Amino acid sequence: MKTQTVCANLSSRAALLMVLSVVSAQALSACGGVSYREVPGSGTSPSSSSNSGSSDQTYTDDEGNTYHDTSSDDYSSESSASETYQITSTFKLAGPDASSGSTYTRTGISTDNLLKITVTGGQPTQIASGGNYVAGYTCIRVSVTVNGDTQDAFVTNTGHDGWGYCYGAKSSVTLDFSGSLSPGHGTVSVRVSDAQYDNCRLYGNFMSGGCPISSVYTVNGSPSHYIQGRMQIQVNSPAL
């Protein structure tokens, strides 16, 4: 009698296990019969083959299904990806001896680890005393300073490289200050100073350029002549 009872219990348990097996199979079938794909490092070891900077990673699930995932091998570039922006700023400078207007400072620049400044020369402008007179030039030289790092920009305003006394001047110059940025820095300021030009005032014609480079002219410390230019400041936001 006890033997019959034990057998009956075993039969019931076997039947229950069969029912659970059928239900589980149906549940997987409803989901396409595929369990979720495991990601690298979660227990499934991918095999990979590199091809021109990409990898075809193969994953196998518990039921023997195989999946392929093609993605970039350069994960460092993904982690350091950031958006770049450009800030345009114009400047107008008097000579370095002027009591005012001899420097221009662009403040409040936010960036992560990129700071490149492209400088171009602007057109001659009216002299301080007014009237129809302009102080002519075809090239300018200025000093650009960021965090104590000073670099010179020698550029023309003609759209092409300089010649004569402007030899060596470029239509534009890009200065890289990225190395002057340190981790945890705040906003950055860019200062432009030490204005020079190829004006010919010392040779009888202050309305033209093409003469030896000299400091922008002042009169007893007061601004007289000016130069103009433009900066295109390239910055980036931190990678998230």
Foldseek 3Di string as FASTA:
>chain_A
DVVVVVVVVVVVVVVVVVVVVVVVCVVCVVVVVDDDFDDPPPPWHWDWDDDPQKIWTWTADPVGDIDTDIDGPPVVCQQFDWDKDKDKDKAKAFFQLAPDRQKDKDWQADFAQWKKKKKAWDAWDAWPVDDPATQAFFWKKKWKDKLRDIDIAIAGNPQAQDDQLSHPHGRMDMDTPSVVDDPPDGIIMMMIGRMKGQACVVPPHRRYGRHHIDTHDDDPNHGTTMTMMMMIIMHIYGRD
